[in-house]
N, C-alpha and C. Protein backbone atom coordinates (compact mmCIF):
# COMPACT_ATOMS: atom_id res chain seq x y z
N MET A 1 17.06 7.78 -4.91
CA MET A 1 16.40 8.95 -4.22
C MET A 1 16.65 8.83 -2.73
N VAL A 2 17.06 10.08 -2.33
CA VAL A 2 17.33 10.07 -0.52
C VAL A 2 16.00 11.07 -0.17
N TYR A 3 15.57 10.67 1.30
CA TYR A 3 14.59 11.09 1.63
C TYR A 3 15.11 12.10 3.23
N LEU A 4 14.96 13.09 3.55
CA LEU A 4 15.46 13.88 4.26
C LEU A 4 14.29 14.69 5.36
N THR A 5 14.01 14.30 6.51
CA THR A 5 13.26 15.13 7.18
C THR A 5 13.58 15.98 8.18
N ARG A 6 13.11 17.11 8.28
CA ARG A 6 13.23 18.25 9.29
C ARG A 6 12.01 18.25 10.46
N LEU A 7 12.16 18.33 11.34
CA LEU A 7 11.49 18.27 12.80
C LEU A 7 11.25 19.64 13.26
N GLU A 8 9.93 20.31 13.15
CA GLU A 8 9.81 21.84 13.85
C GLU A 8 8.76 21.58 14.90
N HIS A 9 8.41 22.41 15.74
CA HIS A 9 7.49 22.67 16.64
C HIS A 9 6.86 23.66 16.58
N PHE A 10 5.37 23.74 17.17
CA PHE A 10 4.51 25.04 17.30
C PHE A 10 3.56 24.61 18.17
N ASN A 11 2.79 25.77 18.83
CA ASN A 11 1.88 25.58 19.67
C ASN A 11 0.65 26.42 19.07
N ALA A 12 -0.66 26.03 19.19
CA ALA A 12 -1.57 26.98 18.24
C ALA A 12 -2.88 26.48 19.18
N ALA A 13 -3.95 27.37 18.79
CA ALA A 13 -5.09 27.10 19.13
C ALA A 13 -6.07 27.04 18.11
N HIS A 14 -7.38 26.25 18.17
CA HIS A 14 -8.48 26.32 17.17
C HIS A 14 -9.55 26.02 17.82
N LYS A 15 -10.53 25.83 17.01
CA LYS A 15 -11.74 24.97 17.52
C LYS A 15 -12.31 24.29 15.89
N LEU A 16 -13.17 23.17 16.19
CA LEU A 16 -13.78 22.63 14.89
C LEU A 16 -15.26 23.00 15.32
N TYR A 17 -15.87 23.89 14.22
CA TYR A 17 -16.86 24.28 14.46
C TYR A 17 -17.61 24.66 13.03
N ASN A 18 -18.72 24.18 12.32
CA ASN A 18 -19.16 24.24 11.45
C ASN A 18 -20.37 25.55 11.37
N PRO A 19 -19.97 26.58 10.97
CA PRO A 19 -20.99 27.85 11.26
C PRO A 19 -22.52 27.67 10.55
N ASN A 20 -22.56 26.65 9.82
CA ASN A 20 -23.90 25.99 9.20
C ASN A 20 -24.71 25.33 10.08
N TRP A 21 -24.10 24.61 10.95
CA TRP A 21 -24.65 24.01 12.04
C TRP A 21 -25.18 24.54 13.23
N SER A 22 -25.91 23.71 13.88
CA SER A 22 -26.29 24.29 15.05
C SER A 22 -25.28 23.85 16.42
N LYS A 23 -25.29 24.71 17.32
CA LYS A 23 -24.24 24.49 18.51
C LYS A 23 -24.65 22.95 18.76
N GLU A 24 -25.92 22.46 18.97
CA GLU A 24 -25.91 21.23 19.35
C GLU A 24 -25.26 19.84 18.28
N ARG A 25 -25.47 20.51 16.96
CA ARG A 25 -25.02 19.50 15.76
C ARG A 25 -23.30 19.58 15.76
N ASN A 26 -22.94 20.78 16.41
CA ASN A 26 -21.28 20.72 16.32
C ASN A 26 -20.69 19.84 17.39
N GLU A 27 -21.52 20.17 18.77
CA GLU A 27 -20.96 19.34 19.59
C GLU A 27 -21.15 17.68 19.40
N GLU A 28 -22.27 17.75 18.82
CA GLU A 28 -22.67 15.87 18.54
C GLU A 28 -21.11 15.66 17.57
N VAL A 29 -21.03 16.36 16.63
CA VAL A 29 -19.71 15.78 15.82
C VAL A 29 -18.40 15.94 16.22
N PHE A 30 -17.82 17.21 16.62
CA PHE A 30 -16.95 17.62 17.14
C PHE A 30 -16.67 17.42 18.53
N GLY A 31 -17.40 17.13 19.49
CA GLY A 31 -17.30 16.95 20.85
C GLY A 31 -16.74 18.31 21.53
N VAL A 32 -15.73 17.94 22.29
CA VAL A 32 -14.86 19.07 23.19
C VAL A 32 -14.13 19.81 22.05
N CYS A 33 -14.06 19.47 20.92
CA CYS A 33 -13.14 20.49 20.09
C CYS A 33 -13.80 21.51 19.66
N ALA A 34 -15.33 21.40 19.65
CA ALA A 34 -16.10 22.78 19.27
C ALA A 34 -16.14 23.58 20.53
N ASN A 35 -15.32 23.51 21.30
CA ASN A 35 -15.57 24.50 22.63
C ASN A 35 -15.50 25.65 22.14
N GLU A 36 -16.57 26.68 22.74
CA GLU A 36 -16.56 28.25 22.26
C GLU A 36 -15.34 28.50 22.68
N ASN A 37 -14.73 28.27 23.62
CA ASN A 37 -13.63 29.24 24.21
C ASN A 37 -12.22 28.44 23.53
N TRP A 38 -12.18 27.57 22.49
CA TRP A 38 -11.13 27.33 21.76
C TRP A 38 -10.41 26.01 22.40
N HIS A 39 -9.36 25.47 21.87
CA HIS A 39 -8.21 24.46 22.80
C HIS A 39 -7.13 24.45 22.05
N GLY A 40 -5.98 24.09 22.59
CA GLY A 40 -4.73 24.30 21.90
C GLY A 40 -4.03 22.65 21.80
N HIS A 41 -2.99 22.97 20.97
CA HIS A 41 -2.16 21.75 20.68
C HIS A 41 -0.86 22.23 20.52
N ASN A 42 0.07 21.21 21.07
CA ASN A 42 1.64 21.21 20.88
C ASN A 42 1.73 20.73 19.75
N PHE A 43 1.71 21.33 18.53
CA PHE A 43 1.89 20.45 17.20
C PHE A 43 3.67 20.19 16.95
N ASP A 44 3.86 18.81 16.67
CA ASP A 44 5.10 18.36 15.94
C ASP A 44 4.99 18.37 14.46
N LEU A 45 5.73 19.04 13.73
CA LEU A 45 5.78 18.91 12.23
C LEU A 45 7.08 18.65 11.77
N TYR A 46 6.79 17.33 11.01
CA TYR A 46 7.95 16.78 10.21
C TYR A 46 7.56 16.89 8.80
N VAL A 47 8.77 17.88 8.17
CA VAL A 47 8.64 18.06 6.75
C VAL A 47 9.77 16.85 6.00
N THR A 48 9.12 16.14 5.18
CA THR A 48 10.20 15.42 4.18
C THR A 48 10.54 15.82 3.13
N ILE A 49 11.62 15.84 2.44
CA ILE A 49 11.98 16.46 1.03
C ILE A 49 12.45 15.03 0.38
N LYS A 50 12.71 15.16 -0.84
CA LYS A 50 13.29 14.07 -1.42
C LYS A 50 13.95 14.43 -2.84
N GLY A 51 14.99 13.92 -3.25
CA GLY A 51 15.84 14.03 -4.18
C GLY A 51 17.15 13.57 -4.39
N LYS A 52 17.93 13.87 -5.31
CA LYS A 52 19.34 13.23 -5.31
C LYS A 52 20.27 13.94 -4.53
N VAL A 53 21.49 13.42 -3.87
CA VAL A 53 22.53 13.96 -3.30
C VAL A 53 23.59 14.68 -4.23
N ASP A 54 23.86 15.89 -3.71
CA ASP A 54 24.66 16.86 -4.75
C ASP A 54 25.97 16.11 -4.44
N PRO A 55 27.04 15.72 -5.54
CA PRO A 55 28.18 14.95 -5.30
C PRO A 55 29.19 16.16 -4.52
N ASP A 56 28.96 17.45 -4.73
CA ASP A 56 29.89 18.29 -4.07
C ASP A 56 29.78 18.37 -2.53
N THR A 57 28.65 18.46 -2.23
CA THR A 57 28.22 18.75 -0.81
C THR A 57 27.91 17.53 0.10
N GLY A 58 27.65 16.40 -0.63
CA GLY A 58 27.11 15.28 0.12
C GLY A 58 25.88 15.47 0.50
N PHE A 59 25.22 16.49 0.15
CA PHE A 59 23.69 16.72 0.99
C PHE A 59 22.53 16.58 -0.38
N LEU A 60 21.65 16.25 0.15
CA LEU A 60 20.10 16.44 -0.44
C LEU A 60 19.82 17.88 -0.57
N PHE A 61 19.91 18.55 0.47
CA PHE A 61 19.56 19.91 0.62
C PHE A 61 20.24 20.71 2.18
N ASP A 62 20.77 21.62 2.37
CA ASP A 62 21.11 22.06 3.57
C ASP A 62 20.12 22.21 4.54
N VAL A 63 19.93 21.40 5.49
CA VAL A 63 19.07 21.35 6.58
C VAL A 63 18.69 22.67 7.52
N LYS A 64 19.91 23.64 7.46
CA LYS A 64 19.82 24.82 7.95
C LYS A 64 18.86 25.64 7.01
N LYS A 65 19.06 25.47 5.69
CA LYS A 65 18.03 26.22 4.98
C LYS A 65 16.56 25.82 4.79
N LEU A 66 16.45 24.62 4.98
CA LEU A 66 15.13 23.94 5.25
C LEU A 66 14.48 24.37 6.25
N SER A 67 15.11 24.33 7.34
CA SER A 67 14.38 24.83 8.59
C SER A 67 14.10 26.44 8.50
N THR A 68 14.96 27.25 7.76
CA THR A 68 14.69 29.00 7.47
C THR A 68 13.15 28.87 6.83
N ILE A 69 13.12 27.91 5.84
CA ILE A 69 11.96 27.90 4.76
C ILE A 69 10.70 27.57 5.56
N ILE A 70 10.59 26.53 6.53
CA ILE A 70 9.84 26.30 7.10
C ILE A 70 9.50 27.27 8.12
N ARG A 71 10.43 27.55 8.84
CA ARG A 71 9.95 28.97 9.68
C ARG A 71 9.59 30.09 9.26
N GLU A 72 10.03 30.61 8.37
CA GLU A 72 9.66 31.67 7.80
C GLU A 72 8.09 31.57 6.91
N ASN A 73 7.92 30.58 6.25
CA ASN A 73 6.90 30.41 5.58
C ASN A 73 5.63 29.83 6.25
N VAL A 74 6.02 28.95 7.42
CA VAL A 74 4.91 28.07 8.26
C VAL A 74 4.94 28.41 9.74
N ILE A 75 5.91 28.38 10.23
CA ILE A 75 5.99 28.46 11.83
C ILE A 75 5.86 29.80 12.26
N ARG A 76 6.20 30.94 11.57
CA ARG A 76 5.97 32.20 12.00
C ARG A 76 4.52 32.86 11.83
N LYS A 77 3.74 31.88 11.00
CA LYS A 77 2.26 32.20 10.68
C LYS A 77 1.28 31.64 11.67
N VAL A 78 2.10 30.48 12.31
CA VAL A 78 1.07 29.71 13.08
C VAL A 78 1.43 29.40 14.71
N ASP A 79 2.50 29.61 14.92
CA ASP A 79 2.93 29.57 16.31
C ASP A 79 2.39 30.57 17.21
N HIS A 80 1.86 29.91 18.08
CA HIS A 80 1.12 30.95 19.10
C HIS A 80 -0.09 31.82 18.63
N LYS A 81 -0.70 31.18 17.76
CA LYS A 81 -1.79 31.73 16.92
C LYS A 81 -3.07 30.91 17.29
N ASN A 82 -4.20 31.51 17.01
CA ASN A 82 -5.41 30.95 16.83
C ASN A 82 -5.62 30.49 15.53
N LEU A 83 -5.60 29.33 14.84
CA LEU A 83 -5.76 28.98 13.64
C LEU A 83 -7.16 29.20 12.96
N ASN A 84 -8.01 29.57 13.73
CA ASN A 84 -9.27 30.13 12.96
C ASN A 84 -9.38 31.40 12.57
N MET A 85 -8.50 32.27 13.24
CA MET A 85 -8.72 33.81 13.04
C MET A 85 -7.45 34.37 12.68
N ASP A 86 -6.17 33.90 12.90
CA ASP A 86 -5.04 34.45 12.47
C ASP A 86 -4.41 33.86 11.56
N VAL A 87 -4.64 32.70 10.88
CA VAL A 87 -3.81 32.09 9.80
C VAL A 87 -4.72 32.38 8.62
N ASP A 88 -3.85 33.12 7.60
CA ASP A 88 -4.38 33.52 6.36
C ASP A 88 -4.55 32.35 5.61
N PHE A 89 -3.74 31.32 5.41
CA PHE A 89 -3.88 30.07 4.50
C PHE A 89 -5.19 29.07 5.03
N LEU A 90 -5.59 29.52 6.08
CA LEU A 90 -6.77 28.64 6.74
C LEU A 90 -7.91 29.35 6.65
N GLN A 91 -8.26 30.97 6.20
CA GLN A 91 -9.16 31.47 6.00
C GLN A 91 -10.31 30.84 5.17
N GLY A 92 -11.47 30.50 5.82
CA GLY A 92 -12.75 30.12 5.03
C GLY A 92 -12.77 28.70 5.18
N LYS A 93 -11.72 27.84 5.78
CA LYS A 93 -11.72 26.62 5.87
C LYS A 93 -11.97 25.91 7.12
N MET A 94 -12.41 24.78 7.34
CA MET A 94 -12.60 23.97 8.76
C MET A 94 -10.91 23.95 9.18
N CYS A 95 -10.63 24.05 10.46
CA CYS A 95 -9.49 24.29 11.07
C CYS A 95 -9.08 22.97 11.42
N SER A 96 -9.27 21.56 10.70
CA SER A 96 -8.81 20.47 10.92
C SER A 96 -7.33 20.11 10.78
N THR A 97 -6.71 19.41 11.38
CA THR A 97 -5.49 18.81 11.22
C THR A 97 -5.30 18.59 9.80
N GLU A 98 -6.33 17.66 9.10
CA GLU A 98 -5.90 17.67 7.99
C GLU A 98 -5.72 18.87 7.09
N ASN A 99 -6.70 19.80 7.06
CA ASN A 99 -6.36 20.95 6.33
C ASN A 99 -5.17 21.70 6.68
N LEU A 100 -4.82 21.60 8.12
CA LEU A 100 -3.64 22.50 8.40
C LEU A 100 -2.33 21.82 7.41
N ALA A 101 -2.58 20.23 7.46
CA ALA A 101 -1.28 19.68 6.73
C ALA A 101 -1.34 20.08 5.32
N ILE A 102 -2.51 20.26 4.62
CA ILE A 102 -2.63 20.55 3.09
C ILE A 102 -2.08 22.02 3.09
N GLY A 103 -2.48 22.71 3.95
CA GLY A 103 -2.01 24.30 3.95
C GLY A 103 -0.57 24.63 4.13
N ILE A 104 0.26 23.61 4.99
CA ILE A 104 1.67 23.69 5.18
C ILE A 104 2.23 23.49 3.98
N TRP A 105 1.66 22.14 3.25
CA TRP A 105 2.45 21.65 2.12
C TRP A 105 2.35 22.95 1.01
N GLU A 106 1.29 23.41 1.05
CA GLU A 106 1.06 24.67 -0.06
C GLU A 106 1.86 26.03 0.21
N GLN A 107 2.31 26.14 1.47
CA GLN A 107 2.87 27.04 1.99
C GLN A 107 4.53 26.96 1.62
N LEU A 108 4.83 25.99 1.73
CA LEU A 108 6.38 25.39 1.46
C LEU A 108 6.65 25.29 0.18
N GLN A 109 5.94 24.28 -0.82
CA GLN A 109 6.10 23.75 -2.01
C GLN A 109 6.73 25.14 -3.05
N PRO A 110 6.42 26.25 -2.91
CA PRO A 110 7.07 27.37 -3.94
C PRO A 110 8.34 27.80 -3.33
N HIS A 111 8.74 27.44 -2.28
CA HIS A 111 9.89 28.02 -1.74
C HIS A 111 10.98 26.72 -1.85
N LEU A 112 11.01 25.66 -2.30
CA LEU A 112 11.88 24.71 -2.54
C LEU A 112 12.37 24.98 -3.79
N PRO A 113 14.06 24.62 -3.97
CA PRO A 113 14.55 24.62 -5.33
C PRO A 113 13.99 23.62 -6.22
N ALA A 114 14.40 23.55 -7.28
CA ALA A 114 13.85 22.86 -8.35
C ALA A 114 14.36 21.40 -8.12
N ASN A 115 15.49 21.19 -7.83
CA ASN A 115 16.27 19.92 -7.51
C ASN A 115 15.70 19.26 -6.38
N VAL A 116 14.71 19.68 -5.45
CA VAL A 116 14.05 19.06 -4.20
C VAL A 116 12.58 18.96 -4.43
N GLN A 117 12.12 18.02 -3.89
CA GLN A 117 10.59 17.71 -4.04
C GLN A 117 10.38 17.55 -2.83
N LEU A 118 9.01 17.92 -2.40
CA LEU A 118 8.43 17.88 -1.15
C LEU A 118 7.60 16.34 -1.22
N HIS A 119 8.10 15.59 -0.37
CA HIS A 119 7.32 14.19 -0.15
C HIS A 119 6.50 14.15 0.64
N CYS A 120 6.51 14.77 2.07
CA CYS A 120 5.52 14.32 2.96
C CYS A 120 5.55 15.50 4.25
N ILE A 121 4.22 15.85 4.52
CA ILE A 121 3.89 16.51 5.72
C ILE A 121 3.01 15.85 6.46
N LYS A 122 4.09 15.63 7.88
CA LYS A 122 3.48 14.65 8.97
C LYS A 122 3.52 15.74 10.06
N LEU A 123 2.19 15.67 10.36
CA LEU A 123 1.88 16.78 11.49
C LEU A 123 1.01 16.10 12.71
N TYR A 124 1.80 15.93 13.87
CA TYR A 124 1.22 15.49 15.10
C TYR A 124 0.51 16.50 15.77
N GLU A 125 -0.82 16.15 15.95
CA GLU A 125 -1.87 17.22 16.93
C GLU A 125 -1.41 16.94 18.27
N THR A 126 -1.31 15.26 18.44
CA THR A 126 -1.15 14.77 19.91
C THR A 126 -0.20 13.88 19.59
N PRO A 127 0.34 13.23 20.69
CA PRO A 127 1.20 12.03 20.62
C PRO A 127 0.67 11.00 19.98
N ARG A 128 -0.68 10.75 19.99
CA ARG A 128 -1.37 9.59 19.45
C ARG A 128 -2.09 9.94 18.23
N ILE A 129 -1.93 11.21 17.62
CA ILE A 129 -2.83 11.61 16.59
C ILE A 129 -2.01 12.32 15.55
N TYR A 130 -1.92 11.98 14.55
CA TYR A 130 -1.15 12.57 13.27
C TYR A 130 -1.79 12.42 12.09
N VAL A 131 -1.33 13.31 11.12
CA VAL A 131 -1.90 13.41 9.67
C VAL A 131 -0.78 13.26 8.82
N GLU A 132 -0.56 12.57 7.76
CA GLU A 132 0.05 12.56 6.76
C GLU A 132 -0.28 12.95 5.39
N TYR A 133 0.40 14.04 4.53
CA TYR A 133 -0.18 14.39 3.53
C TYR A 133 0.97 14.39 2.53
N PHE A 134 0.80 13.83 1.13
CA PHE A 134 1.94 13.67 0.12
C PHE A 134 1.65 14.27 -0.93
N GLY A 135 0.70 15.38 -0.79
CA GLY A 135 0.50 16.00 -2.14
C GLY A 135 -0.89 15.55 -2.88
N LYS A 136 -1.06 16.28 -3.88
CA LYS A 136 -2.08 15.95 -4.69
C LYS A 136 -2.14 14.74 -5.48
């Protein structure tokens, strides 16, 4: 089994806010991340796939094609967007980095060929905070 990772980058704003809670409760739980005027991140997205190397090409999968899949199905939906308001696959969900990583997985999985498996989504919110998701 070979593992191949592609790194992409995007910028987006969000806020963590539970509408069922008071402003005070949201600030208690989420701190500055509940700011009414939002806040932004420079996200780094690592998409790792796995599978067997094609003996004809020596590739697991063409990384240019992988980049295109990521850009068309994720980056164009989230880059320079308000995650709470603009991103269809996050509607009705708390816009945490955890939920964003799960949503990215769900956006990519259907677009990979049968011989390639999605192994991991690693999403850096900051240089010191990241989430890894390996599927259900």
